[in-house]
PDB file of N, CA and C in Angstrom:
ATOM      1  N   MET A   1       2.487  21.887   6.700  1.00  0.00           N
ATOM      2  CA  MET A   1       2.112  20.606   6.136  1.00  0.00           C
ATOM      3  C   MET A   1       1.240  19.886   7.161  1.00  0.00           C
ATOM      4  N   SER A   2       0.221  19.220   6.679  1.00  0.00           N
ATOM      5  CA  SER A   2      -0.715  18.544   7.578  1.00  0.00           C
ATOM      6  C   SER A   2      -0.127  17.233   8.107  1.00  0.00           C
ATOM      7  N   LEU A   3      -0.719  16.753   9.182  1.00  0.00           N
ATOM      8  CA  LEU A   3      -0.249  15.517   9.809  1.00  0.00           C
ATOM      9  C   LEU A   3      -0.393  14.330   8.858  1.00  0.00           C
ATOM     10  N   SER A   4      -1.471  14.294   8.081  1.00  0.00           N
ATOM     11  CA  SER A   4      -1.667  13.167   7.165  1.00  0.00           C
ATOM     12  C   SER A   4      -0.586  13.135   6.083  1.00  0.00           C
ATOM     13  N   LEU A   5      -0.147  14.297   5.610  1.00  0.00           N
ATOM     14  CA  LEU A   5       0.934  14.320   4.618  1.00  0.00           C
ATOM     15  C   LEU A   5       2.268  13.920   5.230  1.00  0.00           C
ATOM     16  N   ILE A   6       2.510  14.326   6.465  1.00  0.00           N
ATOM     17  CA  ILE A   6       3.740  13.921   7.149  1.00  0.00           C
ATOM     18  C   ILE A   6       3.762  12.406   7.339  1.00  0.00           C
ATOM     19  N   LEU A   7       2.635  11.838   7.778  1.00  0.00           N
ATOM     20  CA  LEU A   7       2.554  10.384   7.948  1.00  0.00           C
ATOM     21  C   LEU A   7       2.715   9.664   6.610  1.00  0.00           C
ATOM     22  N   SER A   8       2.170  10.245   5.550  1.00  0.00           N
ATOM     23  CA  SER A   8       2.314   9.645   4.221  1.00  0.00           C
ATOM     24  C   SER A   8       3.766   9.656   3.773  1.00  0.00           C
ATOM     25  N   CYS A   9       4.455  10.750   4.039  1.00  0.00           N
ATOM     26  CA  CYS A   9       5.882  10.827   3.695  1.00  0.00           C
ATOM     27  C   CYS A   9       6.694   9.805   4.488  1.00  0.00           C
ATOM     28  N   LEU A  10       6.381   9.641   5.758  1.00  0.00           N
ATOM     29  CA  LEU A  10       7.061   8.636   6.569  1.00  0.00           C
ATOM     30  C   LEU A  10       6.759   7.231   6.068  1.00  0.00           C
ATOM     31  N   TRP A  11       5.531   7.005   5.598  1.00  0.00           N
ATOM     32  CA  TRP A  11       5.165   5.704   5.040  1.00  0.00           C
ATOM     33  C   TRP A  11       6.003   5.417   3.796  1.00  0.00           C
ATOM     34  N   VAL A  12       6.180   6.432   2.947  1.00  0.00           N
ATOM     35  CA  VAL A  12       6.977   6.257   1.731  1.00  0.00           C
ATOM     36  C   VAL A  12       8.437   5.962   2.075  1.00  0.00           C
ATOM     37  N   ILE A  13       8.969   6.649   3.074  1.00  0.00           N
ATOM     38  CA  ILE A  13      10.352   6.391   3.493  1.00  0.00           C
ATOM     39  C   ILE A  13      10.484   4.965   4.030  1.00  0.00           C
ATOM     40  N   ALA A  14       9.514   4.531   4.837  1.00  0.00           N
ATOM     41  CA  ALA A  14       9.543   3.160   5.363  1.00  0.00           C
ATOM     42  C   ALA A  14       9.419   2.142   4.230  1.00  0.00           C
ATOM     43  N   ALA A  15       8.600   2.425   3.237  1.00  0.00           N
ATOM     44  CA  ALA A  15       8.450   1.509   2.101  1.00  0.00           C
ATOM     45  C   ALA A  15       9.743   1.454   1.279  1.00  0.00           C
ATOM     46  N   SER A  16      10.413   2.584   1.143  1.00  0.00           N
ATOM     47  CA  SER A  16      11.675   2.605   0.401  1.00  0.00           C
ATOM     48  C   SER A  16      12.760   1.827   1.133  1.00  0.00           C
ATOM     49  N   ILE A  17      12.801   1.967   2.443  1.00  0.00           N
ATOM     50  CA  ILE A  17      13.775   1.198   3.236  1.00  0.00           C
ATOM     51  C   ILE A  17      13.464  -0.296   3.141  1.00  0.00           C
ATOM     52  N   THR A  18      12.187  -0.635   3.193  1.00  0.00           N
ATOM     53  CA  THR A  18      11.784  -2.036   3.067  1.00  0.00           C
ATOM     54  C   THR A  18      12.180  -2.601   1.714  1.00  0.00           C
ATOM     55  N   ALA A  19      12.065  -1.793   0.665  1.00  0.00           N
ATOM     56  CA  ALA A  19      12.431  -2.257  -0.675  1.00  0.00           C
ATOM     57  C   ALA A  19      13.924  -2.526  -0.805  1.00  0.00           C
ATOM     58  N   MET A  20      14.732  -1.883   0.032  1.00  0.00           N
ATOM     59  CA  MET A  20      16.184  -2.100  -0.018  1.00  0.00           C
ATOM     60  C   MET A  20      16.615  -3.369   0.720  1.00  0.00           C
ATOM     61  N   LEU A  21      15.726  -3.955   1.497  1.00  0.00           N
ATOM     62  CA  LEU A  21      16.051  -5.181   2.224  1.00  0.00           C
ATOM     63  C   LEU A  21      16.123  -6.357   1.264  1.00  0.00           C
ATOM     64  N   PRO A  22      16.834  -7.415   1.655  1.00  0.00           N
ATOM     65  CA  PRO A  22      16.798  -8.631   0.840  1.00  0.00           C
ATOM     66  C   PRO A  22      15.355  -9.162   0.755  1.00  0.00           C
ATOM     67  N   MET A  23      15.058  -9.848  -0.314  1.00  0.00           N
ATOM     68  CA  MET A  23      13.687 -10.274  -0.583  1.00  0.00           C
ATOM     69  C   MET A  23      13.087 -11.091   0.557  1.00  0.00           C
ATOM     70  N   ARG A  24      13.852 -11.954   1.171  1.00  0.00           N
ATOM     71  CA  ARG A  24      13.304 -12.794   2.233  1.00  0.00           C
ATOM     72  C   ARG A  24      12.977 -11.997   3.491  1.00  0.00           C
ATOM     73  N   ARG A  25      13.538 -10.805   3.635  1.00  0.00           N
ATOM     74  CA  ARG A  25      13.277  -9.967   4.805  1.00  0.00           C
ATOM     75  C   ARG A  25      12.236  -8.883   4.542  1.00  0.00           C
ATOM     76  N   GLN A  26      11.699  -8.822   3.340  1.00  0.00           N
ATOM     77  CA  GLN A  26      10.715  -7.803   2.981  1.00  0.00           C
ATOM     78  C   GLN A  26       9.293  -8.170   3.388  1.00  0.00           C
ATOM     79  N   PHE A  27       9.047  -9.414   3.670  1.00  0.00           N
ATOM     80  CA  PHE A  27       7.672  -9.880   3.849  1.00  0.00           C
ATOM     81  C   PHE A  27       6.974  -9.216   5.044  1.00  0.00           C
ATOM     82  N   ALA A  28       7.539  -9.304   6.228  1.00  0.00           N
ATOM     83  CA  ALA A  28       6.881  -8.775   7.430  1.00  0.00           C
ATOM     84  C   ALA A  28       6.686  -7.254   7.378  1.00  0.00           C
ATOM     85  N   PRO A  29       7.729  -6.469   7.050  1.00  0.00           N
ATOM     86  CA  PRO A  29       7.484  -5.035   6.972  1.00  0.00           C
ATOM     87  C   PRO A  29       6.551  -4.660   5.820  1.00  0.00           C
ATOM     88  N   GLY A  30       6.604  -5.424   4.738  1.00  0.00           N
ATOM     89  CA  GLY A  30       5.717  -5.150   3.605  1.00  0.00           C
ATOM     90  C   GLY A  30       4.258  -5.366   3.957  1.00  0.00           C
ATOM     91  N   ILE A  31       3.978  -6.431   4.697  1.00  0.00           N
ATOM     92  CA  ILE A  31       2.604  -6.689   5.143  1.00  0.00           C
ATOM     93  C   ILE A  31       2.143  -5.586   6.087  1.00  0.00           C
ATOM     94  N   ALA A  32       3.020  -5.163   6.986  1.00  0.00           N
ATOM     95  CA  ALA A  32       2.662  -4.078   7.919  1.00  0.00           C
ATOM     96  C   ALA A  32       2.372  -2.784   7.161  1.00  0.00           C
ATOM     97  N   LEU A  33       3.174  -2.485   6.159  1.00  0.00           N
ATOM     98  CA  LEU A  33       2.934  -1.280   5.363  1.00  0.00           C
ATOM     99  C   LEU A  33       1.630  -1.385   4.579  1.00  0.00           C
ATOM    100  N   LEU A  34       1.352  -2.562   4.057  1.00  0.00           N
ATOM    101  CA  LEU A  34       0.118  -2.752   3.299  1.00  0.00           C
ATOM    102  C   LEU A  34      -1.112  -2.649   4.192  1.00  0.00           C
ATOM    103  N   ILE A  35      -1.005  -3.100   5.430  1.00  0.00           N
ATOM    104  CA  ILE A  35      -2.117  -2.986   6.378  1.00  0.00           C
ATOM    105  C   ILE A  35      -2.322  -1.529   6.806  1.00  0.00           C
ATOM    106  N   CYS A  36      -1.230  -0.784   6.921  1.00  0.00           N
ATOM    107  CA  CYS A  36      -1.317   0.628   7.331  1.00  0.00           C
ATOM    108  C   CYS A  36      -1.825   1.537   6.219  1.00  0.00           C
ATOM    109  N   ALA A  37      -1.761   1.095   4.987  1.00  0.00           N
ATOM    110  CA  ALA A  37      -2.101   1.958   3.855  1.00  0.00           C
ATOM    111  C   ALA A  37      -3.578   2.400   3.836  1.00  0.00           C
ATOM    112  N   PRO A  38      -4.569   1.519   3.978  1.00  0.00           N
ATOM    113  CA  PRO A  38      -5.962   1.991   3.901  1.00  0.00           C
ATOM    114  C   PRO A  38      -6.350   3.022   4.969  1.00  0.00           C
ATOM    115  N   PRO A  39      -5.979   2.833   6.254  1.00  0.00           N
ATOM    116  CA  PRO A  39      -6.303   3.898   7.209  1.00  0.00           C
ATOM    117  C   PRO A  39      -5.602   5.217   6.893  1.00  0.00           C
ATOM    118  N   LEU A  40      -4.385   5.114   6.391  1.00  0.00           N
ATOM    119  CA  LEU A  40      -3.664   6.320   6.007  1.00  0.00           C
ATOM    120  C   LEU A  40      -4.356   7.022   4.838  1.00  0.00           C
ATOM    121  N   LEU A  41      -4.851   6.250   3.889  1.00  0.00           N
ATOM    122  CA  LEU A  41      -5.589   6.835   2.774  1.00  0.00           C
ATOM    123  C   LEU A  41      -6.885   7.495   3.248  1.00  0.00           C
ATOM    124  N   LEU A  42      -7.568   6.851   4.177  1.00  0.00           N
ATOM    125  CA  LEU A  42      -8.789   7.454   4.711  1.00  0.00           C
ATOM    126  C   LEU A  42      -8.499   8.760   5.434  1.00  0.00           C
ATOM    127  N   TYR A  43      -7.444   8.775   6.224  1.00  0.00           N
ATOM    128  CA  TYR A  43      -7.069   9.995   6.944  1.00  0.00           C
ATOM    129  C   TYR A  43      -6.633  11.086   5.966  1.00  0.00           C
ATOM    130  N   LEU A  44      -5.936  10.690   4.925  1.00  0.00           N
ATOM    131  CA  LEU A  44      -5.519  11.630   3.894  1.00  0.00           C
ATOM    132  C   LEU A  44      -6.737  12.208   3.177  1.00  0.00           C
ATOM    133  N   GLY A  45      -7.722  11.359   2.914  1.00  0.00           N
ATOM    134  CA  GLY A  45      -8.948  11.829   2.274  1.00  0.00           C
ATOM    135  C   GLY A  45      -9.769  12.725   3.179  1.00  0.00           C
ATOM    136  N   TYR A  46      -9.703  12.492   4.467  1.00  0.00           N
ATOM    137  CA  TYR A  46     -10.424  13.323   5.422  1.00  0.00           C
ATOM    138  C   TYR A  46      -9.861  14.740   5.467  1.00  0.00           C
ATOM    139  N   GLU A  47      -8.518  14.851   5.389  1.00  0.00           N
ATOM    140  CA  GLU A  47      -7.889  16.165   5.481  1.00  0.00           C
ATOM    141  C   GLU A  47      -7.709  16.863   4.142  1.00  0.00           C
ATOM    142  N   HIS A  48      -7.724  16.115   3.040  1.00  0.00           N
ATOM    143  CA  HIS A  48      -7.463  16.690   1.717  1.00  0.00           C
ATOM    144  C   HIS A  48      -8.534  16.225   0.745  1.00  0.00           C
ATOM    145  N   ASN A  49      -8.400  16.649  -0.487  1.00  0.00           N
ATOM    146  CA  ASN A  49      -9.401  16.300  -1.492  1.00  0.00           C
ATOM    147  C   ASN A  49      -9.153  14.909  -2.086  1.00  0.00           C
ATOM    148  N   PRO A  50     -10.119  14.394  -2.827  1.00  0.00           N
ATOM    149  CA  PRO A  50      -9.986  13.041  -3.388  1.00  0.00           C
ATOM    150  C   PRO A  50      -8.832  12.887  -4.378  1.00  0.00           C
ATOM    151  N   TRP A  51      -8.394  13.970  -5.002  1.00  0.00           N
ATOM    152  CA  TRP A  51      -7.296  13.859  -5.960  1.00  0.00           C
ATOM    153  C   TRP A  51      -5.988  13.479  -5.263  1.00  0.00           C
ATOM    154  N   VAL A  52      -5.806  13.965  -4.063  1.00  0.00           N
ATOM    155  CA  VAL A  52      -4.615  13.600  -3.289  1.00  0.00           C
ATOM    156  C   VAL A  52      -4.672  12.112  -2.940  1.00  0.00           C
ATOM    157  N   VAL A  53      -5.849  11.649  -2.565  1.00  0.00           N
ATOM    158  CA  VAL A  53      -6.025  10.231  -2.235  1.00  0.00           C
ATOM    159  C   VAL A  53      -5.813   9.366  -3.475  1.00  0.00           C
ATOM    160  N   LEU A  54      -6.296   9.820  -4.616  1.00  0.00           N
ATOM    161  CA  LEU A  54      -6.107   9.076  -5.858  1.00  0.00           C
ATOM    162  C   LEU A  54      -4.622   8.961  -6.206  1.00  0.00           C
ATOM    163  N   ALA A  55      -3.877  10.055  -6.038  1.00  0.00           N
ATOM    164  CA  ALA A  55      -2.432  10.021  -6.298  1.00  0.00           C
ATOM    165  C   ALA A  55      -1.721   9.086  -5.319  1.00  0.00           C
ATOM    166  N   ALA A  56      -2.104   9.142  -4.049  1.00  0.00           N
ATOM    167  CA  ALA A  56      -1.495   8.257  -3.055  1.00  0.00           C
ATOM    168  C   ALA A  56      -1.844   6.797  -3.330  1.00  0.00           C
ATOM    169  N   CYS A  57      -3.073   6.559  -3.742  1.00  0.00           N
ATOM    170  CA  CYS A  57      -3.503   5.189  -4.059  1.00  0.00           C
ATOM    171  C   CYS A  57      -2.725   4.649  -5.270  1.00  0.00           C
ATOM    172  N   ALA A  58      -2.505   5.498  -6.256  1.00  0.00           N
ATOM    173  CA  ALA A  58      -1.709   5.088  -7.416  1.00  0.00           C
ATOM    174  C   ALA A  58      -0.277   4.767  -7.003  1.00  0.00           C
ATOM    175  N   ALA A  59       0.272   5.542  -6.073  1.00  0.00           N
ATOM    176  CA  ALA A  59       1.631   5.282  -5.594  1.00  0.00           C
ATOM    177  C   ALA A  59       1.703   3.961  -4.836  1.00  0.00           C
ATOM    178  N   ILE A  60       0.701   3.699  -4.009  1.00  0.00           N
ATOM    179  CA  ILE A  60       0.676   2.444  -3.247  1.00  0.00           C
ATOM    180  C   ILE A  60       0.539   1.243  -4.175  1.00  0.00           C
ATOM    181  N   ILE A  61      -0.347   1.358  -5.144  1.00  0.00           N
ATOM    182  CA  ILE A  61      -0.525   0.256  -6.098  1.00  0.00           C
ATOM    183  C   ILE A  61       0.744   0.048  -6.915  1.00  0.00           C
ATOM    184  N   SER A  62       1.425   1.135  -7.262  1.00  0.00           N
ATOM    185  CA  SER A  62       2.673   1.024  -8.009  1.00  0.00           C
ATOM    186  C   SER A  62       3.753   0.336  -7.188  1.00  0.00           C
ATOM    187  N   MET A  63       3.821   0.658  -5.910  1.00  0.00           N
ATOM    188  CA  MET A  63       4.852   0.064  -5.055  1.00  0.00           C
ATOM    189  C   MET A  63       4.574  -1.402  -4.754  1.00  0.00           C
ATOM    190  N   PHE A  64       3.311  -1.766  -4.655  1.00  0.00           N
ATOM    191  CA  PHE A  64       2.934  -3.139  -4.295  1.00  0.00           C
ATOM    192  C   PHE A  64       2.273  -3.866  -5.463  1.00  0.00           C
ATOM    193  N   ARG A  65       2.665  -3.561  -6.686  1.00  0.00           N
ATOM    194  CA  ARG A  65       1.983  -4.138  -7.845  1.00  0.00           C
ATOM    195  C   ARG A  65       2.135  -5.656  -7.918  1.00  0.00           C
ATOM    196  N   ARG A  66       3.295  -6.174  -7.607  1.00  0.00           N
ATOM    197  CA  ARG A  66       3.473  -7.634  -7.697  1.00  0.00           C
ATOM    198  C   ARG A  66       2.748  -8.376  -6.579  1.00  0.00           C
ATOM    199  N   PRO A  67       2.875  -7.969  -5.322  1.00  0.00           N
ATOM    200  CA  PRO A  67       2.104  -8.673  -4.290  1.00  0.00           C
ATOM    201  C   PRO A  67       0.597  -8.543  -4.484  1.00  0.00           C
ATOM    202  N   LEU A  68       0.140  -7.364  -4.893  1.00  0.00           N
ATOM    203  CA  LEU A  68      -1.295  -7.193  -5.113  1.00  0.00           C
ATOM    204  C   LEU A  68      -1.768  -7.987  -6.329  1.00  0.00           C
ATOM    205  N   GLY A  69      -0.933  -8.057  -7.364  1.00  0.00           N
ATOM    206  CA  GLY A  69      -1.274  -8.872  -8.532  1.00  0.00           C
ATOM    207  C   GLY A  69      -1.344 -10.351  -8.178  1.00  0.00           C
ATOM    208  N   HIS A  70      -0.415 -10.802  -7.359  1.00  0.00           N
ATOM    209  CA  HIS A  70      -0.437 -12.198  -6.908  1.00  0.00           C
ATOM    210  C   HIS A  70      -1.695 -12.477  -6.084  1.00  0.00           C
ATOM    211  N   LEU A  71      -2.029 -11.555  -5.193  1.00  0.00           N
ATOM    212  CA  LEU A  71      -3.231 -11.717  -4.387  1.00  0.00           C
ATOM    213  C   LEU A  71      -4.483 -11.731  -5.257  1.00  0.00           C
ATOM    214  N   LEU A  72      -4.533 -10.854  -6.246  1.00  0.00           N
ATOM    215  CA  LEU A  72      -5.685 -10.812  -7.148  1.00  0.00           C
ATOM    216  C   LEU A  72      -5.810 -12.107  -7.949  1.00  0.00           C
ATOM    217  N   ARG A  73      -4.688 -12.612  -8.464  1.00  0.00           N
ATOM    218  CA  ARG A  73      -4.729 -13.882  -9.208  1.00  0.00           C
ATOM    219  C   ARG A  73      -5.175 -15.029  -8.317  1.00  0.00           C
ATOM    220  N   HIS A  74      -4.711 -15.025  -7.065  1.00  0.00           N
ATOM    221  CA  HIS A  74      -5.095 -16.060  -6.113  1.00  0.00           C
ATOM    222  C   HIS A  74      -6.600 -16.001  -5.827  1.00  0.00           C
ATOM    223  N   LEU A  75      -7.119 -14.802  -5.634  1.00  0.00           N
ATOM    224  CA  LEU A  75      -8.551 -14.655  -5.368  1.00  0.00           C
ATOM    225  C   LEU A  75      -9.397 -15.067  -6.569  1.00  0.00           C
ATOM    226  N   ILE A  76      -8.963 -14.696  -7.762  1.00  0.00           N
ATOM    227  CA  ILE A  76      -9.704 -15.077  -8.972  1.00  0.00           C
ATOM    228  C   ILE A  76      -9.689 -16.588  -9.139  1.00  0.00           C
ATOM    229  N   ALA A  77      -8.550 -17.227  -8.885  1.00  0.00           N
ATOM    230  CA  ALA A  77      -8.459 -18.689  -8.994  1.00  0.00           C
ATOM    231  C   ALA A  77      -9.381 -19.375  -7.984  1.00  0.00           C
ATOM    232  N   ARG A  78      -9.455 -18.802  -6.765  1.00  0.00           N
ATOM    233  CA  ARG A  78     -10.364 -19.386  -5.762  1.00  0.00           C
ATOM    234  C   ARG A  78     -11.811 -19.226  -6.162  1.00  0.00           C
ATOM    235  N   LEU A  79     -12.152 -18.062  -6.716  1.00  0.00           N
ATOM    236  CA  LEU A  79     -13.538 -17.840  -7.131  1.00  0.00           C
ATOM    237  C   LEU A  79     -13.918 -18.755  -8.283  1.00  0.00           C
ATOM    238  N   LYS A  80     -13.015 -18.982  -9.223  1.00  0.00           N
ATOM    239  CA  LYS A  80     -13.296 -19.881 -10.338  1.00  0.00           C
ATOM    240  C   LYS A  80     -13.423 -21.324  -9.853  1.00  0.00           C
ATOM    241  N   GLY A  81     -12.636 -21.676  -8.863  1.00  0.00           N
ATOM    242  CA  GLY A  81     -12.676 -23.032  -8.337  1.00  0.00           C
ATOM    243  C   GLY A  81     -13.938 -23.315  -7.543  1.00  0.00           C
ATOM    244  N   GLN A  82     -14.538 -22.292  -6.971  1.00  0.00           N
ATOM    245  CA  GLN A  82     -15.739 -22.491  -6.141  1.00  0.00           C
ATOM    246  C   GLN A  82     -17.024 -22.452  -6.959  1.00  0.00           C
ATOM    247  N   THR A  83     -16.983 -21.886  -8.174  1.00  0.00           N
ATOM    248  CA  THR A  83     -18.212 -21.802  -8.974  1.00  0.00           C
ATOM    249  C   THR A  83     -18.405 -23.009  -9.821  1.00  0.00           C
TER     250      THR A  83
END
């Protein structure tokens, strides 16, 4: 197994442990995991084909759907307010 897949598996385990924490304690590790995700995806894409990256990206979006949805709504509201 390649290093990028091992790191991806460790990321998933860390995300699962973070999800088991109480909601007020999920913020800091969740932000760290979200920041680590794009470099991990790039490294995964470097070692494997784009389909693996697409599957990993779908998993990340699935795990962070509510925070990413909140961020997207916030950005859209800011853009509407500035135009």
